[in-house]
Amino acid sequence: MPIGRVNAAKFIKRDLPEPHETDFGGEEAHELFNAFHADICCPPSGYSISWDDWYAYADQFPVTWKADWFLEPGGEPKPIPAHLTGEARERAERAGTHAAWVRREAHRRGLR
């Protein structure tokens, strides 16, 4: 009997329980991390998946998971990709700094 596949994303809760969601930046943090993720995945040479689709993909995950995407194993921000310039580069710097803080604080609070 074949076993069907289930999309796990619909079982992942996007928002953390309060007060954590608000403390970690709420919707502003989601928007910052989503945009940074889309910026990284869409180089200037183009890509077959649109910036908006990458943004939407990232939007379904909790802030703590998104923070981990941008950090080295030791908790420091990953280097900013060279193709990011201007506003995207500034957003990357803010996202890296915020991601490092979110991860440290989430660890302190015992959150994943």
C-alpha atoms as a PDB file:
ATOM      1  CA  MET A   1       0.000   0.000   0.000  1.00  0.00           C
ATOM      2  CA  PRO A   2       1.614   3.333  -1.029  1.00  0.00           C
ATOM      3  CA  ILE A   3       2.052   5.971   1.595  1.00  0.00           C
ATOM      4  CA  GLY A   4       1.115   9.486   0.488  1.00  0.00           C
ATOM      5  CA  ARG A   5       3.368  12.469   1.011  1.00  0.00           C
ATOM      6  CA  VAL A   6       2.338  15.316   3.265  1.00  0.00           C
ATOM      7  CA  ASN A   7       3.512  18.901   2.931  1.00  0.00           C
ATOM      8  CA  ALA A   8       4.990  19.571   6.364  1.00  0.00           C
ATOM      9  CA  ALA A   9       4.862  23.360   5.910  1.00  0.00           C
ATOM     10  CA  LYS A  10       1.168  23.457   6.777  1.00  0.00           C
ATOM     11  CA  PHE A  11       1.995  21.963  10.188  1.00  0.00           C
ATOM     12  CA  ILE A  12       4.713  24.503  11.029  1.00  0.00           C
ATOM     13  CA  LYS A  13       3.448  27.347  13.163  1.00  0.00           C
ATOM     14  CA  ARG A  14       4.711  30.649  11.689  1.00  0.00           C
ATOM     15  CA  ASP A  15       4.286  32.771  14.818  1.00  0.00           C
ATOM     16  CA  LEU A  16       5.960  32.077  18.129  1.00  0.00           C
ATOM     17  CA  PRO A  17       3.885  32.198  21.306  1.00  0.00           C
ATOM     18  CA  GLU A  18       3.640  35.626  22.878  1.00  0.00           C
ATOM     19  CA  PRO A  19       5.538  37.500  24.188  1.00  0.00           C
ATOM     20  CA  HIS A  20       8.346  35.943  22.097  1.00  0.00           C
ATOM     21  CA  GLU A  21       6.896  36.850  18.682  1.00  0.00           C
ATOM     22  CA  THR A  22       6.606  40.520  19.632  1.00  0.00           C
ATOM     23  CA  ASP A  23       9.926  40.578  21.495  1.00  0.00           C
ATOM     24  CA  PHE A  24      11.760  39.216  18.419  1.00  0.00           C
ATOM     25  CA  GLY A  25      10.366  41.941  16.168  1.00  0.00           C
ATOM     26  CA  GLY A  26       6.991  40.590  15.091  1.00  0.00           C
ATOM     27  CA  GLU A  27       5.923  41.279  11.521  1.00  0.00           C
ATOM     28  CA  GLU A  28       8.839  43.662  10.904  1.00  0.00           C
ATOM     29  CA  ALA A  29      11.324  40.872  11.623  1.00  0.00           C
ATOM     30  CA  HIS A  30       9.434  38.494   9.318  1.00  0.00           C
ATOM     31  CA  GLU A  31       9.484  41.093   6.535  1.00  0.00           C
ATOM     32  CA  LEU A  32      13.210  41.784   6.998  1.00  0.00           C
ATOM     33  CA  PHE A  33      14.176  38.098   6.952  1.00  0.00           C
ATOM     34  CA  ASN A  34      11.795  37.259   4.072  1.00  0.00           C
ATOM     35  CA  ALA A  35      13.195  40.067   1.915  1.00  0.00           C
ATOM     36  CA  PHE A  36      16.799  39.148   2.729  1.00  0.00           C
ATOM     37  CA  HIS A  37      16.097  35.526   1.837  1.00  0.00           C
ATOM     38  CA  ALA A  38      14.576  36.592  -1.491  1.00  0.00           C
ATOM     39  CA  ASP A  39      17.519  38.931  -2.157  1.00  0.00           C
ATOM     40  CA  ILE A  40      20.003  36.091  -1.641  1.00  0.00           C
ATOM     41  CA  CYS A  41      18.095  33.641  -3.821  1.00  0.00           C
ATOM     42  CA  CYS A  42      17.576  36.028  -6.757  1.00  0.00           C
ATOM     43  CA  PRO A  43      20.945  37.153  -8.130  1.00  0.00           C
ATOM     44  CA  PRO A  44      21.036  39.991 -10.693  1.00  0.00           C
ATOM     45  CA  SER A  45      21.599  37.449 -13.464  1.00  0.00           C
ATOM     46  CA  GLY A  46      18.086  36.212 -12.810  1.00  0.00           C
ATOM     47  CA  TYR A  47      16.622  32.972 -11.567  1.00  0.00           C
ATOM     48  CA  SER A  48      13.738  30.759 -12.608  1.00  0.00           C
ATOM     49  CA  ILE A  49      11.881  31.417  -9.339  1.00  0.00           C
ATOM     50  CA  SER A  50      10.698  34.986  -8.761  1.00  0.00           C
ATOM     51  CA  TRP A  51      11.712  37.230  -5.872  1.00  0.00           C
ATOM     52  CA  ASP A  52       8.067  37.288  -4.724  1.00  0.00           C
ATOM     53  CA  ASP A  53       7.923  33.492  -4.646  1.00  0.00           C
ATOM     54  CA  TRP A  54      11.124  33.281  -2.555  1.00  0.00           C
ATOM     55  CA  TYR A  55       9.650  35.899  -0.196  1.00  0.00           C
ATOM     56  CA  ALA A  56       6.415  33.909   0.118  1.00  0.00           C
ATOM     57  CA  TYR A  57       8.348  30.686   0.745  1.00  0.00           C
ATOM     58  CA  ALA A  58      10.266  32.274   3.625  1.00  0.00           C
ATOM     59  CA  ASP A  59       7.115  33.852   5.056  1.00  0.00           C
ATOM     60  CA  GLN A  60       5.724  30.525   6.256  1.00  0.00           C
ATOM     61  CA  PHE A  61       8.470  29.864   8.835  1.00  0.00           C
ATOM     62  CA  PRO A  62       9.021  31.147  12.393  1.00  0.00           C
ATOM     63  CA  VAL A  63      11.460  34.009  12.976  1.00  0.00           C
ATOM     64  CA  THR A  64      13.858  31.721  14.867  1.00  0.00           C
ATOM     65  CA  TRP A  65      14.153  29.345  11.889  1.00  0.00           C
ATOM     66  CA  LYS A  66      14.712  32.237   9.497  1.00  0.00           C
ATOM     67  CA  ALA A  67      17.415  33.648  11.755  1.00  0.00           C
ATOM     68  CA  ASP A  68      19.310  30.359  11.548  1.00  0.00           C
ATOM     69  CA  TRP A  69      19.398  30.567   7.725  1.00  0.00           C
ATOM     70  CA  PHE A  70      21.648  33.628   7.945  1.00  0.00           C
ATOM     71  CA  LEU A  71      24.044  32.457  10.656  1.00  0.00           C
ATOM     72  CA  GLU A  72      27.225  30.417  10.780  1.00  0.00           C
ATOM     73  CA  PRO A  73      27.187  27.380  13.113  1.00  0.00           C
ATOM     74  CA  GLY A  74      28.815  29.509  15.840  1.00  0.00           C
ATOM     75  CA  GLY A  75      26.001  32.076  15.697  1.00  0.00           C
ATOM     76  CA  GLU A  76      27.776  34.843  13.764  1.00  0.00           C
ATOM     77  CA  PRO A  77      26.169  36.275  10.601  1.00  0.00           C
ATOM     78  CA  LYS A  78      27.239  34.600   7.359  1.00  0.00           C
ATOM     79  CA  PRO A  79      29.165  36.764   4.894  1.00  0.00           C
ATOM     80  CA  ILE A  80      26.945  38.938   2.723  1.00  0.00           C
ATOM     81  CA  PRO A  81      26.842  37.690  -0.873  1.00  0.00           C
ATOM     82  CA  ALA A  82      28.759  39.926  -3.271  1.00  0.00           C
ATOM     83  CA  HIS A  83      25.765  40.374  -5.589  1.00  0.00           C
ATOM     84  CA  LEU A  84      23.887  42.336  -2.913  1.00  0.00           C
ATOM     85  CA  THR A  85      24.358  46.081  -3.252  1.00  0.00           C
ATOM     86  CA  GLY A  86      22.616  49.252  -2.163  1.00  0.00           C
ATOM     87  CA  GLU A  87      19.403  48.749  -0.234  1.00  0.00           C
ATOM     88  CA  ALA A  88      19.672  44.949  -0.421  1.00  0.00           C
ATOM     89  CA  ARG A  89      23.146  45.082   1.162  1.00  0.00           C
ATOM     90  CA  GLU A  90      21.926  47.368   3.961  1.00  0.00           C
ATOM     91  CA  ARG A  91      18.994  45.013   4.553  1.00  0.00           C
ATOM     92  CA  ALA A  92      21.457  42.088   4.685  1.00  0.00           C
ATOM     93  CA  GLU A  93      23.536  43.835   7.349  1.00  0.00           C
ATOM     94  CA  ARG A  94      20.447  44.576   9.477  1.00  0.00           C
ATOM     95  CA  ALA A  95      19.136  41.023   8.994  1.00  0.00           C
ATOM     96  CA  GLY A  96      22.446  39.431   9.993  1.00  0.00           C
ATOM     97  CA  THR A  97      22.726  41.508  13.152  1.00  0.00           C
ATOM     98  CA  HIS A  98      19.095  40.866  14.090  1.00  0.00           C
ATOM     99  CA  ALA A  99      19.392  37.134  13.307  1.00  0.00           C
ATOM    100  CA  ALA A 100      22.372  36.785  15.649  1.00  0.00           C
ATOM    101  CA  TRP A 101      20.462  38.556  18.439  1.00  0.00           C
ATOM    102  CA  VAL A 102      17.303  36.463  17.841  1.00  0.00           C
ATOM    103  CA  ARG A 103      19.267  33.211  17.988  1.00  0.00           C
ATOM    104  CA  ARG A 104      21.101  34.176  21.210  1.00  0.00           C
ATOM    105  CA  GLU A 105      17.875  35.327  22.876  1.00  0.00           C
ATOM    106  CA  ALA A 106      15.874  32.316  21.678  1.00  0.00           C
ATOM    107  CA  HIS A 107      18.576  30.006  23.038  1.00  0.00           C
ATOM    108  CA  ARG A 108      18.489  31.853  26.356  1.00  0.00           C
ATOM    109  CA  ARG A 109      14.695  31.410  26.475  1.00  0.00           C
ATOM    110  CA  GLY A 110      14.864  27.734  25.511  1.00  0.00           C
ATOM    111  CA  LEU A 111      13.117  28.205  22.165  1.00  0.00           C
ATOM    112  CA  ARG A 112      13.898  26.426  18.901  1.00  0.00           C
END
